[in-house]
N, C-alpha and C. Protein backbone atom coordinates (compact mmCIF):
# COMPACT_ATOMS: atom_id res chain seq x y z
N THR A 1 129.19 106.81 121.10
CA THR A 1 128.83 106.34 119.57
C THR A 1 127.72 107.71 118.27
N THR A 2 129.03 107.81 117.44
CA THR A 2 128.67 108.32 116.64
C THR A 2 127.53 108.15 115.73
N LYS A 3 126.82 108.51 115.74
CA LYS A 3 125.15 108.67 114.56
C LYS A 3 125.62 109.17 113.02
N ILE A 4 124.87 107.47 112.49
CA ILE A 4 125.17 107.83 111.45
C ILE A 4 124.38 109.03 110.21
N ALA A 5 124.84 109.79 109.46
CA ALA A 5 123.48 110.37 108.96
C ALA A 5 122.36 108.94 108.15
N PRO A 6 120.71 109.39 108.04
CA PRO A 6 119.82 108.45 107.77
C PRO A 6 120.07 108.24 105.92
N ARG A 7 120.53 107.02 106.04
CA ARG A 7 120.62 106.40 104.41
C ARG A 7 119.08 105.41 104.89
N VAL A 8 118.57 105.17 103.70
CA VAL A 8 117.78 104.45 103.34
C VAL A 8 118.02 102.92 102.64
N LEU A 9 117.90 101.84 102.79
CA LEU A 9 117.56 101.13 101.33
C LEU A 9 116.91 100.43 101.38
N ALA A 10 115.95 100.64 100.41
CA ALA A 10 114.55 99.41 100.02
C ALA A 10 115.06 98.49 98.84
N PHE A 11 114.86 96.94 99.94
CA PHE A 11 115.29 95.27 99.54
C PHE A 11 114.57 94.44 99.46
N GLY A 12 114.60 94.17 98.09
CA GLY A 12 113.46 93.24 98.19
C GLY A 12 113.10 92.78 96.85
N ASP A 13 111.34 92.45 96.68
CA ASP A 13 111.62 91.68 95.57
C ASP A 13 110.50 93.03 94.09
N ASP A 14 109.85 91.82 93.56
CA ASP A 14 109.02 92.78 92.47
C ASP A 14 108.12 94.44 93.42
N LEU A 15 107.55 94.44 94.59
CA LEU A 15 107.16 95.43 95.59
C LEU A 15 107.72 96.57 95.06
N THR A 16 109.65 96.44 95.52
CA THR A 16 110.44 97.31 96.37
C THR A 16 110.80 97.55 94.31
N ALA A 17 111.04 96.44 93.40
CA ALA A 17 111.27 96.77 92.20
C ALA A 17 110.08 98.30 91.27
N GLY A 18 109.07 98.10 92.13
CA GLY A 18 108.09 99.53 91.66
C GLY A 18 107.39 98.12 90.55
N VAL A 19 108.03 97.25 89.39
CA VAL A 19 107.12 96.34 88.55
C VAL A 19 105.78 96.91 88.20
N HIS A 20 105.22 97.48 87.25
CA HIS A 20 104.32 98.29 86.72
C HIS A 20 104.59 97.19 84.59
N LYS A 21 102.77 97.56 84.35
CA LYS A 21 103.15 97.24 82.96
C LYS A 21 103.86 95.28 82.85
N ALA A 22 103.89 94.41 83.53
CA ALA A 22 104.26 93.35 83.00
C ALA A 22 105.82 93.32 82.94
N GLY A 23 106.32 93.93 84.05
CA GLY A 23 108.20 94.82 84.06
C GLY A 23 108.00 95.56 82.83
N THR A 24 107.29 95.99 81.83
CA THR A 24 107.78 96.91 80.85
C THR A 24 108.39 98.55 81.47
N LEU A 25 107.86 98.23 82.84
CA LEU A 25 107.45 99.87 83.64
C LEU A 25 107.87 99.65 85.24
N PHE A 26 109.00 100.50 85.44
CA PHE A 26 109.26 100.04 86.94
C PHE A 26 108.89 101.73 87.90
N ARG A 27 108.41 101.37 88.86
CA ARG A 27 107.51 102.95 89.64
C ARG A 27 108.55 102.15 91.33
N PRO A 28 109.54 102.50 91.74
CA PRO A 28 109.87 102.60 93.29
C PRO A 28 109.26 103.25 93.76
N TYR A 29 108.91 103.11 95.25
CA TYR A 29 108.55 103.59 96.17
C TYR A 29 109.40 104.09 96.99
N ALA A 30 110.69 104.21 96.53
CA ALA A 30 111.87 104.37 97.17
C ALA A 30 111.97 105.94 96.37
N ILE A 31 111.81 106.92 94.78
CA ILE A 31 112.51 107.38 94.50
C ILE A 31 110.88 108.19 95.66
N ARG A 32 109.99 108.38 95.89
CA ARG A 32 108.98 108.81 97.21
C ARG A 32 109.41 109.07 98.18
N LEU A 33 109.64 107.85 98.39
CA LEU A 33 110.22 107.93 100.17
C LEU A 33 110.87 109.20 99.89
N GLN A 34 112.24 109.22 99.04
CA GLN A 34 112.51 109.66 99.25
C GLN A 34 112.54 111.24 99.60
N GLU A 35 111.78 111.33 98.86
CA GLU A 35 111.88 113.20 98.31
C GLU A 35 111.03 113.50 100.52
N VAL A 36 109.97 112.19 100.18
CA VAL A 36 109.10 112.52 101.46
C VAL A 36 109.64 112.96 103.42
N LEU A 37 111.21 111.81 103.00
CA LEU A 37 112.08 111.73 104.19
C LEU A 37 113.45 112.46 104.05
N ARG A 38 113.34 113.41 103.00
CA ARG A 38 114.54 114.24 102.79
C ARG A 38 115.70 113.19 102.80
N CYS A 39 116.24 112.20 102.99
CA CYS A 39 117.63 112.07 103.44
C CYS A 39 117.39 110.64 101.49
N GLU A 40 118.77 110.16 101.93
CA GLU A 40 119.11 109.01 100.57
C GLU A 40 117.83 108.33 100.24
N VAL A 41 117.47 107.23 99.90
CA VAL A 41 117.11 106.31 100.19
C VAL A 41 116.87 105.00 98.48
N LYS A 42 118.20 104.58 98.46
CA LYS A 42 118.14 103.61 97.37
C LYS A 42 117.36 102.51 97.27
N HIS A 43 117.12 101.59 96.33
CA HIS A 43 116.12 100.89 95.74
C HIS A 43 116.98 99.11 95.55
N ILE A 44 117.07 98.35 95.67
CA ILE A 44 117.37 97.45 94.45
C ILE A 44 116.48 96.69 94.69
N GLY A 45 114.99 95.63 93.73
CA GLY A 45 113.73 95.15 93.95
C GLY A 45 114.53 94.50 92.88
N LEU A 46 114.75 93.12 93.36
CA LEU A 46 114.22 92.20 92.37
C LEU A 46 113.22 91.25 91.47
N VAL A 47 113.29 91.16 90.50
CA VAL A 47 111.90 90.89 90.42
C VAL A 47 112.16 90.01 90.36
N GLY A 48 110.86 88.59 90.22
CA GLY A 48 110.45 87.19 90.33
C GLY A 48 111.88 86.78 91.22
N TRP A 49 112.20 87.15 92.13
CA TRP A 49 113.17 86.38 93.24
C TRP A 49 112.07 86.21 94.68
N SER A 50 112.05 85.02 94.96
CA SER A 50 111.76 84.24 96.24
C SER A 50 112.95 85.21 97.73
N ALA A 51 112.06 84.97 98.46
CA ALA A 51 113.09 85.16 99.65
C ALA A 51 114.68 83.95 100.61
N GLU A 52 114.06 82.54 99.40
CA GLU A 52 114.84 81.50 99.52
C GLU A 52 115.98 82.43 98.89
N GLU A 53 115.75 82.56 97.46
CA GLU A 53 117.03 83.36 96.59
C GLU A 53 117.86 83.99 97.45
N MET A 54 117.00 85.48 97.68
CA MET A 54 117.63 86.40 98.38
C MET A 54 118.68 85.96 99.50
N VAL A 55 118.77 85.15 99.93
CA VAL A 55 119.16 84.47 101.75
C VAL A 55 120.71 83.77 100.91
N SER A 56 120.03 82.77 99.34
CA SER A 56 121.66 82.21 99.09
C SER A 56 122.27 82.96 98.13
N LYS A 57 121.77 84.36 98.64
CA LYS A 57 122.56 84.95 97.57
C LYS A 57 123.01 86.89 98.17
N LEU A 58 123.43 86.13 99.39
CA LEU A 58 123.42 87.61 100.87
C LEU A 58 124.87 88.31 100.07
N ASP A 59 125.63 87.52 99.99
CA ASP A 59 127.40 88.25 99.15
C ASP A 59 127.48 88.01 98.24
N ALA A 60 126.55 87.76 97.09
CA ALA A 60 126.93 88.12 95.61
C ALA A 60 127.01 89.10 95.62
N GLU A 61 128.20 89.36 94.37
CA GLU A 61 128.93 90.56 93.90
C GLU A 61 127.54 91.22 92.96
N ALA A 62 126.66 90.13 92.21
CA ALA A 62 125.19 90.94 91.21
C ALA A 62 124.25 89.42 90.94
N CYS A 63 123.09 90.00 91.25
CA CYS A 63 122.00 89.62 91.78
C CYS A 63 121.05 89.75 90.05
N THR A 64 120.69 88.96 89.16
CA THR A 64 119.64 88.82 88.01
C THR A 64 119.20 88.91 88.53
N ASP A 65 117.96 89.90 87.70
CA ASP A 65 116.87 89.52 88.63
C ASP A 65 115.90 88.82 86.93
N ASN A 66 114.61 88.43 86.84
CA ASN A 66 113.75 88.40 85.53
C ASN A 66 113.39 89.08 84.85
N CYS A 67 114.13 91.15 85.04
CA CYS A 67 113.94 91.72 83.92
C CYS A 67 115.21 91.70 82.92
N GLN A 68 116.34 90.91 84.18
CA GLN A 68 118.03 91.10 83.52
C GLN A 68 118.59 92.34 84.00
N ARG A 69 117.42 92.87 85.35
CA ARG A 69 118.86 94.21 86.13
C ARG A 69 119.52 92.99 87.04
N ARG A 70 120.61 94.03 87.09
CA ARG A 70 122.01 93.55 88.31
C ARG A 70 122.18 94.21 89.78
N TYR A 71 121.77 93.61 90.31
CA TYR A 71 122.26 94.04 92.00
C TYR A 71 123.25 92.93 92.49
N PRO A 72 124.37 93.43 93.44
CA PRO A 72 124.54 93.03 94.98
C PRO A 72 123.77 92.59 95.54
N GLY A 73 123.82 91.26 96.13
CA GLY A 73 123.27 91.14 97.91
C GLY A 73 122.91 92.41 98.02
N LEU A 74 122.13 91.51 99.32
CA LEU A 74 121.79 92.00 100.54
C LEU A 74 123.42 92.76 101.25
N ARG A 75 123.74 91.93 101.44
CA ARG A 75 124.93 91.94 102.86
C ARG A 75 125.95 92.85 102.02
N ARG A 76 126.01 91.96 100.74
CA ARG A 76 127.70 92.95 100.21
C ARG A 76 126.16 94.29 99.54
N GLU A 77 125.85 94.08 99.13
CA GLU A 77 125.78 96.29 99.42
C GLU A 77 125.45 97.03 100.72
N LEU A 78 125.42 96.30 101.94
CA LEU A 78 125.78 96.77 102.96
C LEU A 78 126.86 96.70 103.26
N MET A 79 127.62 95.02 103.31
CA MET A 79 129.13 95.91 103.86
C MET A 79 129.98 97.39 102.55
N LEU A 80 129.96 97.22 101.13
CA LEU A 80 130.19 98.02 100.58
C LEU A 80 129.91 100.10 100.76
N ALA A 81 129.01 99.95 101.20
CA ALA A 81 127.91 100.88 101.70
C ALA A 81 129.49 101.47 102.93
N MET A 82 129.69 100.00 103.70
CA MET A 82 130.49 100.76 104.58
C MET A 82 131.45 101.29 104.72
N GLU A 83 131.98 100.00 103.61
CA GLU A 83 133.50 100.15 103.10
C GLU A 83 134.00 102.14 102.21
N GLN A 84 132.67 102.13 102.31
CA GLN A 84 132.35 103.38 101.57
C GLN A 84 132.36 105.12 102.77
N GLY A 85 132.15 104.34 103.49
CA GLY A 85 131.90 105.13 105.35
C GLY A 85 130.75 106.08 104.87
N GLN A 86 129.41 105.27 103.71
CA GLN A 86 128.16 105.44 104.04
C GLN A 86 127.23 104.47 104.31
N PRO A 87 127.41 103.95 105.67
CA PRO A 87 126.33 102.72 105.95
C PRO A 87 125.20 103.33 105.65
N TYR A 88 124.01 102.17 105.21
CA TYR A 88 123.18 102.34 105.32
C TYR A 88 122.68 102.81 106.72
N SER A 89 121.99 103.12 107.72
CA SER A 89 121.12 103.55 108.99
C SER A 89 119.82 102.92 108.66
N HIS A 90 119.12 102.43 108.25
CA HIS A 90 117.65 102.07 107.39
C HIS A 90 117.75 100.51 106.86
N VAL A 91 116.95 99.79 106.66
CA VAL A 91 116.55 98.87 106.12
C VAL A 91 115.29 98.54 105.33
N ILE A 92 114.91 98.34 104.39
CA ILE A 92 113.06 98.06 104.52
C ILE A 92 113.41 97.15 103.33
N ILE A 93 112.68 96.09 103.66
CA ILE A 93 112.92 94.47 103.33
C ILE A 93 111.50 93.66 103.59
N SER A 94 111.10 94.11 101.52
CA SER A 94 109.97 93.24 101.64
C SER A 94 110.82 92.13 100.70
N ALA A 95 109.89 90.63 100.66
CA ALA A 95 110.13 89.54 100.43
C ALA A 95 108.67 88.85 101.05
N GLY A 96 109.08 87.26 99.88
CA GLY A 96 108.26 86.28 100.46
C GLY A 96 106.35 85.98 99.55
N MET A 97 106.68 86.91 98.70
CA MET A 97 105.58 86.98 97.97
C MET A 97 106.34 85.79 97.04
N GLN A 98 106.87 85.36 95.86
CA GLN A 98 107.08 84.47 95.61
C GLN A 98 106.87 82.77 95.66
N ASP A 99 107.80 82.89 97.34
CA ASP A 99 107.49 81.66 98.32
C ASP A 99 105.80 81.95 98.06
N LEU A 100 105.41 82.72 98.73
CA LEU A 100 104.09 82.32 98.60
C LEU A 100 103.29 81.15 97.19
N LEU A 101 104.14 82.45 96.55
CA LEU A 101 103.12 82.07 95.54
C LEU A 101 103.63 79.73 94.82
N CYS A 102 104.89 79.73 95.76
CA CYS A 102 105.63 78.62 94.97
C CYS A 102 105.11 77.77 95.76
N GLN A 103 105.15 77.24 97.03
CA GLN A 103 103.36 77.36 98.41
C GLN A 103 104.55 76.66 99.05
N ARG A 104 105.56 77.98 99.21
CA ARG A 104 106.50 77.10 100.49
C ARG A 104 105.74 77.21 101.91
N SER A 105 106.54 76.30 102.23
CA SER A 105 105.72 76.70 104.14
C SER A 105 106.58 77.93 104.66
N SER A 106 105.31 78.10 105.45
CA SER A 106 105.21 79.43 106.44
C SER A 106 106.44 79.61 107.42
N ARG A 107 106.95 78.73 107.83
CA ARG A 107 108.12 78.53 108.30
C ARG A 107 109.07 78.28 108.17
N ASP A 108 109.49 77.71 106.81
CA ASP A 108 110.20 78.35 105.76
C ASP A 108 110.90 79.72 105.37
N ILE A 109 109.40 81.08 104.70
CA ILE A 109 109.70 81.93 104.33
C ILE A 109 110.22 83.04 106.22
N ALA A 110 109.42 81.85 107.08
CA ALA A 110 110.05 82.78 108.48
C ALA A 110 110.88 82.97 108.84
N LEU A 111 111.48 81.90 108.14
CA LEU A 111 113.22 82.06 108.19
C LEU A 111 114.10 82.47 107.11
N ASP A 112 113.56 82.36 106.03
CA ASP A 112 114.71 83.49 105.52
C ASP A 112 113.99 84.74 105.79
N LEU A 113 113.86 85.50 105.51
CA LEU A 113 113.08 86.43 106.50
C LEU A 113 114.23 87.37 107.69
N GLN A 114 113.89 85.82 108.72
CA GLN A 114 114.97 86.28 110.25
C GLN A 114 116.43 86.37 108.88
N ALA A 115 116.37 85.59 108.02
CA ALA A 115 118.01 86.02 108.05
C ALA A 115 118.82 86.80 107.25
N LEU A 116 117.61 87.27 106.05
CA LEU A 116 116.92 89.01 105.64
C LEU A 116 117.73 90.22 106.60
N HIS A 117 116.74 90.05 108.03
CA HIS A 117 116.64 90.53 108.91
C HIS A 117 117.95 90.60 109.36
N ALA A 118 118.38 89.98 109.93
CA ALA A 118 119.84 89.75 110.37
C ALA A 118 120.62 89.94 110.41
N ALA A 119 120.63 90.14 108.45
CA ALA A 119 122.23 90.38 107.78
C ALA A 119 122.05 91.83 107.78
N ALA A 120 121.54 92.20 107.74
CA ALA A 120 120.65 93.57 108.07
C ALA A 120 121.48 94.22 109.09
N LEU A 121 120.86 94.06 110.24
CA LEU A 121 121.11 94.17 111.54
C LEU A 121 122.33 94.10 111.50
N GLN A 122 123.24 92.96 111.90
CA GLN A 122 123.88 92.72 112.04
C GLN A 122 125.39 93.53 111.53
N LEU A 123 125.11 94.02 110.62
CA LEU A 123 125.99 95.78 110.12
C LEU A 123 125.46 97.09 110.59
N GLY A 124 124.50 96.68 111.65
CA GLY A 124 124.60 98.04 112.08
C GLY A 124 122.92 98.27 111.74
N ALA A 125 122.12 98.47 110.55
CA ALA A 125 120.62 99.00 110.38
C ALA A 125 119.49 98.51 111.48
N SER A 126 118.83 99.85 111.09
CA SER A 126 117.48 99.32 111.72
C SER A 126 116.24 98.81 110.15
N THR A 127 115.70 97.56 110.48
CA THR A 127 114.86 97.21 109.55
C THR A 127 113.39 97.30 109.60
N VAL A 128 112.77 96.98 108.44
CA VAL A 128 111.58 97.82 108.86
C VAL A 128 111.08 96.65 107.30
N GLY A 129 109.88 95.59 108.00
CA GLY A 129 109.76 93.92 107.35
C GLY A 129 108.17 94.58 105.90
N VAL A 130 108.49 94.66 105.03
CA VAL A 130 107.24 94.89 105.13
C VAL A 130 106.22 93.45 104.07
N SER A 131 105.02 93.43 105.21
CA SER A 131 104.72 91.84 104.74
C SER A 131 103.40 91.53 103.54
N VAL A 132 104.15 90.32 103.09
CA VAL A 132 102.92 90.24 101.77
C VAL A 132 101.42 90.04 102.53
N GLY A 133 100.94 90.17 101.72
CA GLY A 133 98.91 89.84 103.23
C GLY A 133 99.04 88.42 103.64
N GLY A 134 98.35 88.18 104.67
CA GLY A 134 98.18 86.48 104.78
C GLY A 134 99.11 86.19 105.15
N PHE A 135 100.90 86.40 105.23
CA PHE A 135 101.68 85.78 105.69
C PHE A 135 101.79 85.97 107.36
N GLU A 136 100.78 86.78 107.68
CA GLU A 136 101.31 86.77 109.29
C GLU A 136 100.60 86.09 110.10
N ALA A 137 99.08 85.63 109.84
CA ALA A 137 98.82 84.78 109.67
C ALA A 137 98.52 83.71 110.15
N ASP A 138 99.07 83.56 108.35
CA ASP A 138 100.18 81.69 108.24
C ASP A 138 101.22 82.07 109.27
N ALA A 139 101.83 82.48 109.87
CA ALA A 139 103.28 82.11 110.26
C ALA A 139 102.17 81.92 111.47
N THR A 140 101.64 82.29 112.24
CA THR A 140 101.60 82.48 113.47
C THR A 140 100.82 81.07 113.53
N ALA A 141 99.81 80.85 113.03
CA ALA A 141 99.40 79.72 112.85
C ALA A 141 100.38 78.65 112.87
N CYS A 142 101.70 77.86 112.16
CA CYS A 142 102.72 77.11 112.03
C CYS A 142 103.42 77.50 112.91
N GLY A 143 102.67 77.98 114.29
CA GLY A 143 104.07 78.00 115.20
C GLY A 143 105.03 79.32 114.62
N SER A 144 105.57 80.15 113.98
CA SER A 144 106.87 80.44 113.79
C SER A 144 106.83 81.99 113.48
N ALA A 145 106.17 82.40 114.06
CA ALA A 145 105.75 84.12 113.81
C ALA A 145 107.21 84.62 115.13
N GLU A 146 107.30 84.36 115.99
CA GLU A 146 108.85 84.51 116.48
C GLU A 146 109.78 84.51 115.67
N LEU A 147 109.74 83.92 115.13
CA LEU A 147 111.29 83.54 114.18
C LEU A 147 111.56 85.21 113.75
N LEU A 148 110.75 85.86 113.15
CA LEU A 148 110.33 86.61 113.04
C LEU A 148 110.91 88.41 113.74
N ALA A 149 110.23 87.37 114.99
CA ALA A 149 110.76 88.58 115.98
C ALA A 149 112.55 89.07 116.89
N LEU A 150 113.62 89.67 116.81
CA LEU A 150 114.77 90.07 116.42
C LEU A 150 115.11 90.47 117.09
N SER A 151 115.84 90.07 118.09
CA SER A 151 116.51 90.34 119.99
C SER A 151 117.55 91.90 119.04
N THR A 152 118.30 92.05 118.59
CA THR A 152 119.27 92.57 118.33
C THR A 152 118.94 93.71 118.07
N ARG A 153 118.40 95.20 117.66
CA ARG A 153 117.15 95.61 117.78
C ARG A 153 115.65 95.24 116.90
N GLN A 154 115.38 96.73 116.96
CA GLN A 154 114.08 96.81 116.58
C GLN A 154 113.61 95.90 115.41
N SER A 155 111.97 95.82 114.48
CA SER A 155 112.09 96.25 113.88
C SER A 155 111.09 95.99 113.64
N TRP A 156 110.43 96.69 112.11
CA TRP A 156 108.46 98.02 111.82
C TRP A 156 108.09 96.52 111.00
N SER A 157 106.80 96.04 110.72
CA SER A 157 106.49 95.52 109.70
C SER A 157 105.52 97.18 109.09
N LEU A 158 104.93 96.72 107.93
CA LEU A 158 104.73 97.07 106.83
C LEU A 158 103.49 96.22 105.87
N ASN A 159 102.14 96.62 106.11
CA ASN A 159 101.27 95.60 105.04
C ASN A 159 102.03 96.16 103.43
N ALA A 160 101.67 95.10 102.73
CA ALA A 160 101.47 95.73 100.72
C ALA A 160 101.03 95.92 100.59
N ALA A 161 100.34 96.63 101.00
CA ALA A 161 98.89 97.02 99.82
C ALA A 161 99.46 98.99 100.82
N GLU A 162 99.59 99.04 101.71
CA GLU A 162 100.55 100.42 102.61
C GLU A 162 102.04 100.94 101.45
N ALA A 163 102.53 99.44 101.39
CA ALA A 163 103.84 100.29 100.53
C ALA A 163 103.63 100.67 99.04
N ARG A 164 102.47 99.30 98.50
CA ARG A 164 102.45 99.99 97.36
C ARG A 164 101.57 101.07 97.18
N ASP A 165 101.34 102.26 97.89
CA ASP A 165 100.74 103.54 97.97
C ASP A 165 101.40 104.31 97.68
N LEU A 166 102.48 103.68 98.29
CA LEU A 166 103.95 104.34 98.52
C LEU A 166 104.57 105.00 96.48
N SER A 167 104.08 103.63 96.35
CA SER A 167 104.60 104.26 94.40
C SER A 167 103.70 104.68 93.85
N LEU A 168 102.23 104.65 94.27
CA LEU A 168 101.20 105.67 93.18
C LEU A 168 101.01 106.69 93.29
N THR A 169 101.10 106.76 94.88
CA THR A 169 100.09 108.43 95.11
C THR A 169 101.27 109.80 95.06
N GLN A 170 100.70 110.16 95.05
CA GLN A 170 101.22 112.12 94.94
C GLN A 170 100.70 112.97 96.28
N GLU A 171 100.71 111.81 97.19
CA GLU A 171 99.68 112.90 98.40
C GLU A 171 100.36 113.09 99.29
N ARG A 172 101.14 113.04 99.68
CA ARG A 172 102.49 112.86 101.16
C ARG A 172 101.20 112.85 102.36
N ASP A 173 100.74 113.17 102.76
CA ASP A 173 99.67 111.66 103.55
C ASP A 173 99.63 110.94 103.41
N HIS A 174 99.05 110.26 102.27
CA HIS A 174 98.36 108.43 102.04
C HIS A 174 100.41 108.05 102.38
N LEU A 175 101.64 108.85 103.02
CA LEU A 175 102.89 108.30 103.09
C LEU A 175 103.44 108.28 104.65
N ASN A 176 102.12 108.87 105.28
CA ASN A 176 102.17 108.42 107.10
C ASN A 176 102.12 107.10 108.27
N THR A 177 101.46 106.85 107.04
CA THR A 177 100.97 105.02 107.37
C THR A 177 102.41 104.29 107.71
N PHE A 178 103.90 104.65 106.10
CA PHE A 178 104.66 103.82 105.66
C PHE A 178 105.55 105.66 106.97
N ILE A 179 105.81 105.74 107.24
CA ILE A 179 106.91 106.84 108.21
C ILE A 179 106.71 107.11 109.70
N ARG A 180 105.74 106.87 109.46
CA ARG A 180 105.56 106.10 111.70
C ARG A 180 106.45 104.62 111.62
N PHE A 181 106.80 103.75 110.82
CA PHE A 181 107.33 102.64 112.01
C PHE A 181 108.42 103.47 111.52
N LEU A 182 109.56 104.93 111.12
CA LEU A 182 111.12 104.80 111.14
C LEU A 182 110.81 104.93 112.18
N PRO A 183 112.17 105.09 113.22
CA PRO A 183 112.58 105.73 114.26
C PRO A 183 112.37 107.43 114.08
N ARG A 184 112.34 108.64 114.92
CA ARG A 184 111.88 109.50 114.69
C ARG A 184 113.32 110.28 114.85
N SER A 185 114.05 109.56 115.79
CA SER A 185 115.43 109.43 117.05
C SER A 185 116.76 109.18 115.63
N SER A 186 116.41 109.18 115.20
CA SER A 186 117.71 109.15 113.65
C SER A 186 117.13 109.09 112.08
N LEU A 187 115.91 109.93 111.89
CA LEU A 187 115.85 110.94 110.78
C LEU A 187 115.50 111.68 111.01
């Protein structure tokens, strides 16, 4: 098999967008991550979007977030990258915060997260899941934690507080927690 050049897509909600000051300033962690990993890291942060909305728009040409920014849906972005000969090797997925605020069941959120990961995995990318605080316990309690285990490729998880540190820190050492989740053999 041909090894593809490392290329990362950070896909998700407000955390990925790096929202600050009520949506008037954005500081996505992808910018700092690109500096540290020394490979391309693109981000799509859909402010105010739930995992359910992201799944419903996987193939959309344009998804408009609550700050009126437009991005393609996840599968659409991955397909475009493949068509251009620049596929993503890794996709970091951060979703579920809005779903929790809307009091959706952990099982439904887990199914949507599984669908997002599956879309990336089906197109050849490894995935990293950035979890929202407390979700893992809720998913385990309702018996749906196994829905997050994807068999086609390995996935990793990261606590949202660790990811938030990526957008705020200027210190390289604080990124080590995050970077250890990315497979060294492919970066």
